[in-house]
Amino acid sequence: MEERDTLRSLELNVEEIITREELEALLAGKSERQPRAYVGIEPSGNVHLGHLPFLNTLRVLQQNGVHIVVLLADLHAYLNEKGEFEQIRETAEYNRRCFAASGLTAETEYVYGSDYQLEEEYMLNVLRLATITTEKRARRSMDEVSRSKEERKVSQTIYPLMQAMDISYLNIDIAIGGIDQRKIHMLARDNLPKLGFRAPVCIHTPLLIGLDGEKMSSSKQNFIAIDEPEESVAQKLKSAFCPPNVADGNPVLEIYKHTIFPSLDRKGEVTIQRPEKYGGNVGYERYEALERDYVAGMLHPSDLKANAVRALNEVLDPIRQRMQ
C-alpha cells in the first residue's frame, strides 16, 4: 500500500495526526531505519471495542512496514491506582493475548514497563525531565487519564513523565493512543527535544461512548469485549441506546464507523438486510453513506441493530477463535 493510501486509511478512524507531514516522511522510508510505533496500555480489565480504533491503527501501520511495540504498562497502572501489582501482571497477560488475537502479527513486540522502568538510566532521565516540566503541566496532562479526579496522588504527576520517557527509551517514532492521551503526548513532543531526544509523531484515536450513550466504563459494563460470546453481543446490542435519526452520541453508529467498516478490507461492503416491504437489502461501501441514510430516516434503528449483531459477530469471530 502506498503511503498516501495508508494515510487515507488511517485518517478515516483517527482524531488527529501530529504531524501528517512527519508521518508521510516516515512511511516514505526517509529515515535510516525501520520506523517504530507504540501504544502504552494500562492492564486494567477487558479489552473491548473501545480499544479497536488504536489496534486497527497499529495493524495498518504494521502492514506497511512499521515495527509495532505494545507496552504493557504495569507500573503505570499501579501508579494510577488500578490494583495490586500481581493482579495487574495477570491482567497484562490476558491483554497481550487479546491484542495478538486482534490481528497484530507475531512480529509485534510486547514489553512490560517493569522490565526497564526501574533501571538507573531510565529513572535519571525521568528526573531530568522533571526539572524542565512545570508541576501545573504535569498535573494538567493527567486530566483525562487520572483515575482519581479529586485528592490526586503524587504518583499521578510522575505518570506522564514516565510515559514521555517511554517514547525515548523504546526508540519510538510514532506514539499512538486515545485522544485522552493528547496532553501527555504534547508534553513529550515539547520537552523530549530539550533533553536531546527525538519528538514523536502522535496519532490520536477517538474515545467511543458506552452502549447506554454514557462514558464507557468497566464498572457499568456498558461495552462489548472483543471476546464477547455471540449471544451476549446480540443481547447487548438489542438493548443499546440508538435514537432514531440521530448520529451524534449514537453508540450503534459508532460501532459501524470504528469497528465494522474498518473490516471492509475483507468484505467489500456492509449490507443492511431487511424485508422487501421495508425497502429490501441495501449495501454501503462507506460509513458516511450509511449515516446519511440513517439520519434521513431511511434506516430504522431495529434494522441498524439487527445487522450490527451479524456484522460485528463476523468481525469478532476470528478473535474469539484465536483466544481459545
C-alpha atoms as a PDB file:
ATOM      1  CA  MET A   1       0.000   0.000   0.000  1.00  0.00           C
ATOM      2  CA  GLU A   2       1.393   3.421  -0.997  1.00  0.00           C
ATOM      3  CA  GLU A   3       1.917   5.934   1.802  1.00  0.00           C
ATOM      4  CA  ARG A   4      -0.920   8.159   0.512  1.00  0.00           C
ATOM      5  CA  ASP A   5      -3.344   5.222   0.635  1.00  0.00           C
ATOM      6  CA  THR A   6      -2.044   4.311   4.086  1.00  0.00           C
ATOM      7  CA  LEU A   7      -2.601   7.840   5.360  1.00  0.00           C
ATOM      8  CA  ARG A   8      -6.094   7.909   3.876  1.00  0.00           C
ATOM      9  CA  SER A   9      -6.904   4.601   5.589  1.00  0.00           C
ATOM     10  CA  LEU A  10      -5.550   5.863   8.905  1.00  0.00           C
ATOM     11  CA  GLU A  11      -7.347   9.194   8.759  1.00  0.00           C
ATOM     12  CA  LEU A  12     -10.763   7.561   8.399  1.00  0.00           C
ATOM     13  CA  ASN A  13     -10.670   6.444  12.013  1.00  0.00           C
ATOM     14  CA  VAL A  14      -8.346   8.767  13.911  1.00  0.00           C
ATOM     15  CA  GLU A  15      -9.000  12.124  15.552  1.00  0.00           C
ATOM     16  CA  GLU A  16      -5.708  13.712  14.512  1.00  0.00           C
ATOM     17  CA  ILE A  17      -2.155  13.093  13.300  1.00  0.00           C
ATOM     18  CA  ILE A  18       0.616  15.362  14.627  1.00  0.00           C
ATOM     19  CA  THR A  19       2.021  15.927  12.151  1.00  0.00           C
ATOM     20  CA  ARG A  20       0.843  14.452   8.868  1.00  0.00           C
ATOM     21  CA  GLU A  21       3.993  15.660   7.092  1.00  0.00           C
ATOM     22  CA  GLU A  22       6.263  13.908   9.586  1.00  0.00           C
ATOM     23  CA  LEU A  23       4.273  10.689   9.248  1.00  0.00           C
ATOM     24  CA  GLU A  24       4.438  10.892   5.448  1.00  0.00           C
ATOM     25  CA  ALA A  25       8.226  11.141   5.643  1.00  0.00           C
ATOM     26  CA  LEU A  26       8.439   8.068   7.892  1.00  0.00           C
ATOM     27  CA  LEU A  27       6.160   5.985   5.665  1.00  0.00           C
ATOM     28  CA  ALA A  28       8.083   7.091   2.568  1.00  0.00           C
ATOM     29  CA  GLY A  29      11.211   5.492   4.022  1.00  0.00           C
ATOM     30  CA  LYS A  30      13.106   8.740   4.547  1.00  0.00           C
ATOM     31  CA  SER A  31      14.547   7.586   7.873  1.00  0.00           C
ATOM     32  CA  GLU A  32      17.660   5.413   8.017  1.00  0.00           C
ATOM     33  CA  ARG A  33      15.919   2.556   9.843  1.00  0.00           C
ATOM     34  CA  GLN A  34      12.556   0.817  10.122  1.00  0.00           C
ATOM     35  CA  PRO A  35      10.044   3.159  11.828  1.00  0.00           C
ATOM     36  CA  ARG A  36       8.788   2.084  15.250  1.00  0.00           C
ATOM     37  CA  ALA A  37       5.271   2.767  16.573  1.00  0.00           C
ATOM     38  CA  TYR A  38       3.935   2.029  20.019  1.00  0.00           C
ATOM     39  CA  VAL A  39       0.897   2.136  22.220  1.00  0.00           C
ATOM     40  CA  GLY A  40       1.061   2.044  26.014  1.00  0.00           C
ATOM     41  CA  ILE A  41      -1.761   0.187  27.741  1.00  0.00           C
ATOM     42  CA  GLU A  42      -2.622   0.116  31.430  1.00  0.00           C
ATOM     43  CA  PRO A  43      -3.606  -3.500  32.140  1.00  0.00           C
ATOM     44  CA  SER A  44      -6.885  -2.861  33.912  1.00  0.00           C
ATOM     45  CA  GLY A  45      -9.665  -5.099  32.632  1.00  0.00           C
ATOM     46  CA  ASN A  46     -11.422  -6.310  29.494  1.00  0.00           C
ATOM     47  CA  VAL A  47     -10.169  -5.470  26.027  1.00  0.00           C
ATOM     48  CA  HIS A  48     -13.263  -4.128  24.274  1.00  0.00           C
ATOM     49  CA  LEU A  49     -14.472  -2.335  21.141  1.00  0.00           C
ATOM     50  CA  GLY A  50     -13.102   0.928  22.548  1.00  0.00           C
ATOM     51  CA  HIS A  51      -9.600  -0.498  22.052  1.00  0.00           C
ATOM     52  CA  LEU A  52     -10.128  -1.435  18.399  1.00  0.00           C
ATOM     53  CA  PRO A  53      -9.543   2.033  16.868  1.00  0.00           C
ATOM     54  CA  PHE A  54      -5.920   2.100  18.028  1.00  0.00           C
ATOM     55  CA  LEU A  55      -5.477  -1.646  17.414  1.00  0.00           C
ATOM     56  CA  ASN A  56      -6.706  -1.144  13.836  1.00  0.00           C
ATOM     57  CA  THR A  57      -4.281   1.777  13.500  1.00  0.00           C
ATOM     58  CA  LEU A  58      -1.400  -0.410  14.679  1.00  0.00           C
ATOM     59  CA  ARG A  59      -2.448  -3.137  12.250  1.00  0.00           C
ATOM     60  CA  VAL A  60      -2.489  -0.732   9.274  1.00  0.00           C
ATOM     61  CA  LEU A  61       0.955   0.593  10.179  1.00  0.00           C
ATOM     62  CA  GLN A  62       2.289  -2.937  10.643  1.00  0.00           C
ATOM     63  CA  GLN A  63       1.011  -3.907   7.194  1.00  0.00           C
ATOM     64  CA  ASN A  64       3.068  -1.016   5.844  1.00  0.00           C
ATOM     65  CA  GLY A  65       6.410  -1.965   7.313  1.00  0.00           C
ATOM     66  CA  VAL A  66       6.294  -0.229  10.706  1.00  0.00           C
ATOM     67  CA  HIS A  67       7.598  -2.205  13.683  1.00  0.00           C
ATOM     68  CA  ILE A  68       4.944  -2.325  16.422  1.00  0.00           C
ATOM     69  CA  VAL A  69       5.658  -2.195  20.156  1.00  0.00           C
ATOM     70  CA  VAL A  70       2.895  -2.760  22.717  1.00  0.00           C
ATOM     71  CA  LEU A  71       3.882  -1.508  26.162  1.00  0.00           C
ATOM     72  CA  LEU A  72       2.007  -3.368  28.883  1.00  0.00           C
ATOM     73  CA  ALA A  73       2.324  -0.521  31.359  1.00  0.00           C
ATOM     74  CA  ASP A  74       2.078  -2.388  34.641  1.00  0.00           C
ATOM     75  CA  LEU A  75       3.901   0.263  36.669  1.00  0.00           C
ATOM     76  CA  HIS A  76       1.727   2.994  35.182  1.00  0.00           C
ATOM     77  CA  ALA A  77      -1.394   1.047  36.154  1.00  0.00           C
ATOM     78  CA  TYR A  78      -0.054   0.737  39.689  1.00  0.00           C
ATOM     79  CA  LEU A  79       0.687   4.478  39.874  1.00  0.00           C
ATOM     80  CA  ASN A  80      -2.841   5.181  38.615  1.00  0.00           C
ATOM     81  CA  GLU A  81      -4.449   3.053  41.355  1.00  0.00           C
ATOM     82  CA  LYS A  82      -5.570   0.198  39.090  1.00  0.00           C
ATOM     83  CA  GLY A  83      -4.896  -2.563  41.618  1.00  0.00           C
ATOM     84  CA  GLU A  84      -2.175  -4.550  43.314  1.00  0.00           C
ATOM     85  CA  PHE A  85       0.888  -5.344  41.267  1.00  0.00           C
ATOM     86  CA  GLU A  86       0.411  -9.130  40.987  1.00  0.00           C
ATOM     87  CA  GLN A  87      -3.178  -8.667  39.824  1.00  0.00           C
ATOM     88  CA  ILE A  88      -2.066  -6.100  37.256  1.00  0.00           C
ATOM     89  CA  ARG A  89       0.515  -8.517  35.817  1.00  0.00           C
ATOM     90  CA  GLU A  90      -2.140 -11.228  35.429  1.00  0.00           C
ATOM     91  CA  THR A  91      -4.402  -8.788  33.590  1.00  0.00           C
ATOM     92  CA  ALA A  92      -1.472  -7.726  31.397  1.00  0.00           C
ATOM     93  CA  GLU A  93      -1.010 -11.290  30.156  1.00  0.00           C
ATOM     94  CA  TYR A  94      -4.714 -11.509  29.269  1.00  0.00           C
ATOM     95  CA  ASN A  95      -4.454  -8.158  27.448  1.00  0.00           C
ATOM     96  CA  ARG A  96      -1.428  -9.409  25.487  1.00  0.00           C
ATOM     97  CA  ARG A  97      -3.413 -12.431  24.285  1.00  0.00           C
ATOM     98  CA  CYS A  98      -6.300 -10.172  23.231  1.00  0.00           C
ATOM     99  CA  PHE A  99      -4.048  -7.814  21.268  1.00  0.00           C
ATOM    100  CA  ALA A 100      -2.391 -10.713  19.478  1.00  0.00           C
ATOM    101  CA  ALA A 101      -5.809 -12.188  18.648  1.00  0.00           C
ATOM    102  CA  SER A 102      -6.999  -8.840  17.243  1.00  0.00           C
ATOM    103  CA  GLY A 103      -4.810  -9.286  14.169  1.00  0.00           C
ATOM    104  CA  LEU A 104      -1.370  -7.982  15.114  1.00  0.00           C
ATOM    105  CA  THR A 105       1.241 -10.324  13.670  1.00  0.00           C
ATOM    106  CA  ALA A 106       3.733 -12.468  15.557  1.00  0.00           C
ATOM    107  CA  GLU A 107       6.403  -9.817  14.901  1.00  0.00           C
ATOM    108  CA  THR A 108       4.697  -7.486  17.389  1.00  0.00           C
ATOM    109  CA  GLU A 109       6.982  -6.726  20.316  1.00  0.00           C
ATOM    110  CA  TYR A 110       5.390  -6.848  23.783  1.00  0.00           C
ATOM    111  CA  VAL A 111       7.222  -5.111  26.629  1.00  0.00           C
ATOM    112  CA  TYR A 112       6.383  -4.827  30.326  1.00  0.00           C
ATOM    113  CA  GLY A 113       7.101  -1.426  31.824  1.00  0.00           C
ATOM    114  CA  SER A 114       8.560  -3.000  34.960  1.00  0.00           C
ATOM    115  CA  ASP A 115      11.200  -4.727  32.798  1.00  0.00           C
ATOM    116  CA  TYR A 116      13.079  -1.429  32.372  1.00  0.00           C
ATOM    117  CA  GLN A 117      11.369   1.447  34.214  1.00  0.00           C
ATOM    118  CA  LEU A 118      13.299   0.851  37.442  1.00  0.00           C
ATOM    119  CA  GLU A 119      16.692   0.953  35.741  1.00  0.00           C
ATOM    120  CA  GLU A 120      19.056   3.718  36.828  1.00  0.00           C
ATOM    121  CA  GLU A 121      19.461   5.387  33.427  1.00  0.00           C
ATOM    122  CA  TYR A 122      15.711   5.463  32.813  1.00  0.00           C
ATOM    123  CA  MET A 123      14.916   6.938  36.218  1.00  0.00           C
ATOM    124  CA  LEU A 124      17.676   9.555  35.916  1.00  0.00           C
ATOM    125  CA  ASN A 125      16.130  10.698  32.636  1.00  0.00           C
ATOM    126  CA  VAL A 126      12.677  10.847  34.264  1.00  0.00           C
ATOM    127  CA  LEU A 127      14.204  13.117  36.923  1.00  0.00           C
ATOM    128  CA  ARG A 128      15.889  15.236  34.230  1.00  0.00           C
ATOM    129  CA  LEU A 129      12.507  15.613  32.544  1.00  0.00           C
ATOM    130  CA  ALA A 130      11.009  16.611  35.900  1.00  0.00           C
ATOM    131  CA  THR A 131      13.441  19.547  36.141  1.00  0.00           C
ATOM    132  CA  ILE A 132      12.102  21.125  32.935  1.00  0.00           C
ATOM    133  CA  THR A 133       8.391  20.287  33.343  1.00  0.00           C
ATOM    134  CA  THR A 134       6.181  22.509  35.449  1.00  0.00           C
ATOM    135  CA  GLU A 135       4.043  20.918  38.132  1.00  0.00           C
ATOM    136  CA  LYS A 136       0.976  22.525  36.555  1.00  0.00           C
ATOM    137  CA  ARG A 137       1.631  20.962  33.148  1.00  0.00           C
ATOM    138  CA  ALA A 138       2.336  17.511  34.574  1.00  0.00           C
ATOM    139  CA  ARG A 139      -0.889  17.686  36.580  1.00  0.00           C
ATOM    140  CA  ARG A 140      -2.991  19.010  33.683  1.00  0.00           C
ATOM    141  CA  SER A 141      -1.671  16.345  31.320  1.00  0.00           C
ATOM    142  CA  MET A 142      -3.449  13.773  33.505  1.00  0.00           C
ATOM    143  CA  ASP A 143      -6.854  15.491  33.374  1.00  0.00           C
ATOM    144  CA  GLU A 144      -8.393  12.860  31.073  1.00  0.00           C
ATOM    145  CA  VAL A 145      -6.346   9.893  32.282  1.00  0.00           C
ATOM    146  CA  SER A 146      -6.240  10.053  36.072  1.00  0.00           C
ATOM    147  CA  ARG A 147      -8.346   7.533  37.971  1.00  0.00           C
ATOM    148  CA  SER A 148      -8.746   9.950  40.898  1.00  0.00           C
ATOM    149  CA  LYS A 149     -10.229  13.310  39.944  1.00  0.00           C
ATOM    150  CA  GLU A 150     -10.013  14.666  43.486  1.00  0.00           C
ATOM    151  CA  GLU A 151      -7.257  14.241  46.056  1.00  0.00           C
ATOM    152  CA  ARG A 152      -4.836  13.193  43.344  1.00  0.00           C
ATOM    153  CA  LYS A 153      -1.693  11.371  44.390  1.00  0.00           C
ATOM    154  CA  VAL A 154       1.870  12.476  43.620  1.00  0.00           C
ATOM    155  CA  SER A 155       2.188   9.235  41.618  1.00  0.00           C
ATOM    156  CA  GLN A 156      -0.164  10.680  39.007  1.00  0.00           C
ATOM    157  CA  THR A 157       2.254  13.547  38.404  1.00  0.00           C
ATOM    158  CA  ILE A 158       5.144  11.124  37.882  1.00  0.00           C
ATOM    159  CA  TYR A 159       2.991   9.117  35.449  1.00  0.00           C
ATOM    160  CA  PRO A 160       3.160  11.481  32.417  1.00  0.00           C
ATOM    161  CA  LEU A 161       6.915  11.994  32.824  1.00  0.00           C
ATOM    162  CA  MET A 162       7.431   8.241  32.663  1.00  0.00           C
ATOM    163  CA  GLN A 163       5.153   7.963  29.645  1.00  0.00           C
ATOM    164  CA  ALA A 164       7.150  10.615  27.818  1.00  0.00           C
ATOM    165  CA  MET A 165      10.401   8.858  28.687  1.00  0.00           C
ATOM    166  CA  ASP A 166       8.997   5.511  27.496  1.00  0.00           C
ATOM    167  CA  ILE A 167       8.807   7.001  23.994  1.00  0.00           C
ATOM    168  CA  SER A 168      12.511   7.805  24.044  1.00  0.00           C
ATOM    169  CA  TYR A 169      13.655   4.649  25.829  1.00  0.00           C
ATOM    170  CA  LEU A 170      11.802   2.373  23.394  1.00  0.00           C
ATOM    171  CA  ASN A 171      13.186   4.370  20.422  1.00  0.00           C
ATOM    172  CA  ILE A 172       9.682   5.223  19.195  1.00  0.00           C
ATOM    173  CA  ASP A 173       8.915   7.316  16.099  1.00  0.00           C
ATOM    174  CA  ILE A 174       5.102   7.158  16.281  1.00  0.00           C
ATOM    175  CA  ALA A 175       3.154   7.328  19.556  1.00  0.00           C
ATOM    176  CA  ILE A 176      -0.438   6.082  19.340  1.00  0.00           C
ATOM    177  CA  GLY A 177      -3.194   6.493  21.904  1.00  0.00           C
ATOM    178  CA  GLY A 178      -6.709   7.681  22.538  1.00  0.00           C
ATOM    179  CA  ILE A 179      -7.420  11.399  22.312  1.00  0.00           C
ATOM    180  CA  ASP A 180      -7.282  11.444  26.122  1.00  0.00           C
ATOM    181  CA  GLN A 181      -3.505  10.930  25.764  1.00  0.00           C
ATOM    182  CA  ARG A 182      -3.052  14.148  23.793  1.00  0.00           C
ATOM    183  CA  LYS A 183      -1.735  16.363  26.605  1.00  0.00           C
ATOM    184  CA  ILE A 184       0.834  13.767  27.642  1.00  0.00           C
ATOM    185  CA  HIS A 185       1.994  13.322  24.064  1.00  0.00           C
ATOM    186  CA  MET A 186       2.303  17.079  23.605  1.00  0.00           C
ATOM    187  CA  LEU A 187       4.406  17.232  26.764  1.00  0.00           C
ATOM    188  CA  ALA A 188       6.673  14.624  25.165  1.00  0.00           C
ATOM    189  CA  ARG A 189       6.866  16.496  21.840  1.00  0.00           C
ATOM    190  CA  ASP A 190       7.739  19.757  23.581  1.00  0.00           C
ATOM    191  CA  ASN A 191      10.148  18.564  26.267  1.00  0.00           C
ATOM    192  CA  LEU A 192      11.956  15.489  24.963  1.00  0.00           C
ATOM    193  CA  PRO A 193      13.956  17.532  22.399  1.00  0.00           C
ATOM    194  CA  LYS A 194      15.144  19.804  25.225  1.00  0.00           C
ATOM    195  CA  LEU A 195      16.950  16.752  26.640  1.00  0.00           C
ATOM    196  CA  GLY A 196      18.362  15.734  23.263  1.00  0.00           C
ATOM    197  CA  PHE A 197      15.701  13.131  22.417  1.00  0.00           C
ATOM    198  CA  ARG A 198      13.527  12.883  19.290  1.00  0.00           C
ATOM    199  CA  ALA A 199       9.974  14.252  19.282  1.00  0.00           C
ATOM    200  CA  PRO A 200       7.454  11.575  18.248  1.00  0.00           C
ATOM    201  CA  VAL A 201       4.746  11.729  15.621  1.00  0.00           C
ATOM    202  CA  CYS A 202       1.446  11.368  17.505  1.00  0.00           C
ATOM    203  CA  ILE A 203      -1.697   9.614  16.287  1.00  0.00           C
ATOM    204  CA  HIS A 204      -4.816  10.007  18.425  1.00  0.00           C
ATOM    205  CA  THR A 205      -7.853   7.756  18.084  1.00  0.00           C
ATOM    206  CA  PRO A 206     -11.414   8.522  19.233  1.00  0.00           C
ATOM    207  CA  LEU A 207     -12.867   7.545  22.584  1.00  0.00           C
ATOM    208  CA  LEU A 208     -16.031   5.534  21.997  1.00  0.00           C
ATOM    209  CA  ILE A 209     -19.113   6.003  24.141  1.00  0.00           C
ATOM    210  CA  GLY A 210     -20.781   3.160  26.034  1.00  0.00           C
ATOM    211  CA  LEU A 211     -23.776   1.206  24.804  1.00  0.00           C
ATOM    212  CA  ASP A 212     -26.017   3.274  27.080  1.00  0.00           C
ATOM    213  CA  GLY A 213     -24.857   6.526  25.486  1.00  0.00           C
ATOM    214  CA  GLU A 214     -22.755   7.420  28.534  1.00  0.00           C
ATOM    215  CA  LYS A 215     -18.998   7.281  29.087  1.00  0.00           C
ATOM    216  CA  MET A 216     -17.664   3.768  28.584  1.00  0.00           C
ATOM    217  CA  SER A 217     -16.900   2.283  31.988  1.00  0.00           C
ATOM    218  CA  SER A 218     -15.786  -1.099  33.325  1.00  0.00           C
ATOM    219  CA  SER A 219     -17.969  -0.579  36.386  1.00  0.00           C
ATOM    220  CA  LYS A 220     -21.071  -0.060  34.226  1.00  0.00           C
ATOM    221  CA  GLN A 221     -20.222  -2.934  31.856  1.00  0.00           C
ATOM    222  CA  ASN A 222     -21.577  -0.779  29.024  1.00  0.00           C
ATOM    223  CA  PHE A 223     -19.162  -2.169  26.437  1.00  0.00           C
ATOM    224  CA  ILE A 224     -18.686  -5.233  24.230  1.00  0.00           C
ATOM    225  CA  ALA A 225     -15.475  -7.174  24.869  1.00  0.00           C
ATOM    226  CA  ILE A 226     -13.570  -8.396  21.824  1.00  0.00           C
ATOM    227  CA  ASP A 227     -14.032 -11.972  23.070  1.00  0.00           C
ATOM    228  CA  GLU A 228     -17.713 -11.467  23.985  1.00  0.00           C
ATOM    229  CA  PRO A 229     -19.875 -14.546  23.175  1.00  0.00           C
ATOM    230  CA  GLU A 230     -22.227 -14.203  20.199  1.00  0.00           C
ATOM    231  CA  GLU A 231     -25.353 -14.397  22.331  1.00  0.00           C
ATOM    232  CA  SER A 232     -24.101 -11.645  24.627  1.00  0.00           C
ATOM    233  CA  VAL A 233     -23.270  -9.411  21.654  1.00  0.00           C
ATOM    234  CA  ALA A 234     -26.847  -9.816  20.421  1.00  0.00           C
ATOM    235  CA  GLN A 235     -28.350  -9.116  23.827  1.00  0.00           C
ATOM    236  CA  LYS A 236     -26.236  -6.012  24.443  1.00  0.00           C
ATOM    237  CA  LEU A 237     -26.866  -4.515  21.006  1.00  0.00           C
ATOM    238  CA  LYS A 238     -30.590  -5.201  21.215  1.00  0.00           C
ATOM    239  CA  SER A 239     -30.826  -3.036  24.335  1.00  0.00           C
ATOM    240  CA  ALA A 240     -28.258  -0.420  23.212  1.00  0.00           C
ATOM    241  CA  PHE A 241     -29.147   3.272  23.063  1.00  0.00           C
ATOM    242  CA  CYS A 242     -29.917   4.091  19.415  1.00  0.00           C
ATOM    243  CA  PRO A 243     -32.069   7.219  18.936  1.00  0.00           C
ATOM    244  CA  PRO A 244     -33.757   7.391  15.519  1.00  0.00           C
ATOM    245  CA  ASN A 245     -32.434   9.955  13.001  1.00  0.00           C
ATOM    246  CA  VAL A 246     -29.559  10.892  15.348  1.00  0.00           C
ATOM    247  CA  ALA A 247     -25.867  10.292  14.658  1.00  0.00           C
ATOM    248  CA  ASP A 248     -24.131  12.216  17.445  1.00  0.00           C
ATOM    249  CA  GLY A 249     -23.830  10.174  20.611  1.00  0.00           C
ATOM    250  CA  ASN A 250     -25.219   7.051  18.941  1.00  0.00           C
ATOM    251  CA  PRO A 251     -23.114   4.063  20.105  1.00  0.00           C
ATOM    252  CA  VAL A 252     -24.512   1.695  17.463  1.00  0.00           C
ATOM    253  CA  LEU A 253     -23.405   4.013  14.662  1.00  0.00           C
ATOM    254  CA  GLU A 254     -20.008   4.312  16.355  1.00  0.00           C
ATOM    255  CA  ILE A 255     -19.655   0.529  16.156  1.00  0.00           C
ATOM    256  CA  TYR A 256     -20.322   0.676  12.420  1.00  0.00           C
ATOM    257  CA  LYS A 257     -17.849   3.518  11.934  1.00  0.00           C
ATOM    258  CA  HIS A 258     -14.960   2.311  14.064  1.00  0.00           C
ATOM    259  CA  THR A 259     -15.328  -1.469  14.076  1.00  0.00           C
ATOM    260  CA  ILE A 260     -17.451  -2.811  11.223  1.00  0.00           C
ATOM    261  CA  PHE A 261     -16.405  -0.557   8.337  1.00  0.00           C
ATOM    262  CA  PRO A 262     -12.654  -0.849   9.084  1.00  0.00           C
ATOM    263  CA  SER A 263     -13.052  -4.592   8.386  1.00  0.00           C
ATOM    264  CA  LEU A 264     -14.064  -3.886   4.757  1.00  0.00           C
ATOM    265  CA  ASP A 265     -10.638  -4.922   3.513  1.00  0.00           C
ATOM    266  CA  ARG A 266     -12.078  -8.429   3.878  1.00  0.00           C
ATOM    267  CA  LYS A 267     -15.690  -7.959   2.705  1.00  0.00           C
ATOM    268  CA  GLY A 268     -16.087  -5.042   0.271  1.00  0.00           C
ATOM    269  CA  GLU A 269     -19.287  -3.518   1.666  1.00  0.00           C
ATOM    270  CA  VAL A 270     -21.623  -3.542   4.641  1.00  0.00           C
ATOM    271  CA  THR A 271     -25.056  -4.926   3.791  1.00  0.00           C
ATOM    272  CA  ILE A 272     -28.163  -3.959   5.728  1.00  0.00           C
ATOM    273  CA  GLN A 273     -30.530  -6.891   5.342  1.00  0.00           C
ATOM    274  CA  ARG A 274     -34.269  -6.188   5.681  1.00  0.00           C
ATOM    275  CA  PRO A 275     -37.587  -7.396   4.220  1.00  0.00           C
ATOM    276  CA  GLU A 276     -38.648  -6.144   0.792  1.00  0.00           C
ATOM    277  CA  LYS A 277     -41.670  -4.397   2.302  1.00  0.00           C
ATOM    278  CA  TYR A 278     -39.253  -2.162   4.216  1.00  0.00           C
ATOM    279  CA  GLY A 279     -37.067  -1.419   1.196  1.00  0.00           C
ATOM    280  CA  GLY A 280     -35.076  -4.623   0.826  1.00  0.00           C
ATOM    281  CA  ASN A 281     -31.346  -5.072   1.278  1.00  0.00           C
ATOM    282  CA  VAL A 282     -29.023  -2.109   0.792  1.00  0.00           C
ATOM    283  CA  GLY A 283     -25.221  -2.093   0.635  1.00  0.00           C
ATOM    284  CA  TYR A 284     -22.780   0.599   1.776  1.00  0.00           C
ATOM    285  CA  GLU A 285     -19.124   0.913   0.840  1.00  0.00           C
ATOM    286  CA  ARG A 286     -18.586   3.931   3.067  1.00  0.00           C
ATOM    287  CA  TYR A 287     -19.777   4.737   6.572  1.00  0.00           C
ATOM    288  CA  GLU A 288     -20.812   8.282   5.641  1.00  0.00           C
ATOM    289  CA  ALA A 289     -23.490   6.973   3.290  1.00  0.00           C
ATOM    290  CA  LEU A 290     -24.968   4.735   5.986  1.00  0.00           C
ATOM    291  CA  GLU A 291     -25.025   7.585   8.487  1.00  0.00           C
ATOM    292  CA  ARG A 292     -26.693   9.889   5.949  1.00  0.00           C
ATOM    293  CA  ASP A 293     -29.479   7.386   5.292  1.00  0.00           C
ATOM    294  CA  TYR A 294     -29.991   6.761   9.000  1.00  0.00           C
ATOM    295  CA  VAL A 295     -30.255  10.452   9.854  1.00  0.00           C
ATOM    296  CA  ALA A 296     -32.687  10.890   6.925  1.00  0.00           C
ATOM    297  CA  GLY A 297     -34.931   8.178   8.371  1.00  0.00           C
ATOM    298  CA  MET A 298     -34.269   5.700   5.547  1.00  0.00           C
ATOM    299  CA  LEU A 299     -32.932   3.124   8.019  1.00  0.00           C
ATOM    300  CA  HIS A 300     -34.818   2.053  11.144  1.00  0.00           C
ATOM    301  CA  PRO A 301     -32.978   1.590  14.472  1.00  0.00           C
ATOM    302  CA  SER A 302     -34.112  -2.044  14.674  1.00  0.00           C
ATOM    303  CA  ASP A 303     -32.584  -2.770  11.257  1.00  0.00           C
ATOM    304  CA  LEU A 304     -29.406  -0.972  12.264  1.00  0.00           C
ATOM    305  CA  LYS A 305     -29.116  -3.039  15.451  1.00  0.00           C
ATOM    306  CA  ALA A 306     -30.014  -6.415  13.913  1.00  0.00           C
ATOM    307  CA  ASN A 307     -27.439  -6.036  11.172  1.00  0.00           C
ATOM    308  CA  ALA A 308     -24.856  -4.723  13.613  1.00  0.00           C
ATOM    309  CA  VAL A 309     -25.189  -8.001  15.535  1.00  0.00           C
ATOM    310  CA  ARG A 310     -24.494 -10.051  12.413  1.00  0.00           C
ATOM    311  CA  ALA A 311     -21.656  -7.856  11.109  1.00  0.00           C
ATOM    312  CA  LEU A 312     -19.982  -7.380  14.482  1.00  0.00           C
ATOM    313  CA  ASN A 313     -20.014 -11.104  15.201  1.00  0.00           C
ATOM    314  CA  GLU A 314     -18.333 -11.654  11.829  1.00  0.00           C
ATOM    315  CA  VAL A 315     -15.583  -9.247  12.900  1.00  0.00           C
ATOM    316  CA  LEU A 316     -15.193 -10.745  16.376  1.00  0.00           C
ATOM    317  CA  ASP A 317     -15.429 -14.428  15.452  1.00  0.00           C
ATOM    318  CA  PRO A 318     -11.771 -14.753  14.314  1.00  0.00           C
ATOM    319  CA  ILE A 319     -10.672 -13.035  17.525  1.00  0.00           C
ATOM    320  CA  ARG A 320     -12.768 -15.402  19.644  1.00  0.00           C
ATOM    321  CA  GLN A 321     -11.301 -18.404  17.817  1.00  0.00           C
ATOM    322  CA  ARG A 322      -7.721 -17.206  18.360  1.00  0.00           C
ATOM    323  CA  MET A 323      -8.465 -16.665  22.055  1.00  0.00           C
ATOM    324  CA  GLN A 324      -9.478 -20.305  22.584  1.00  0.00           C
END
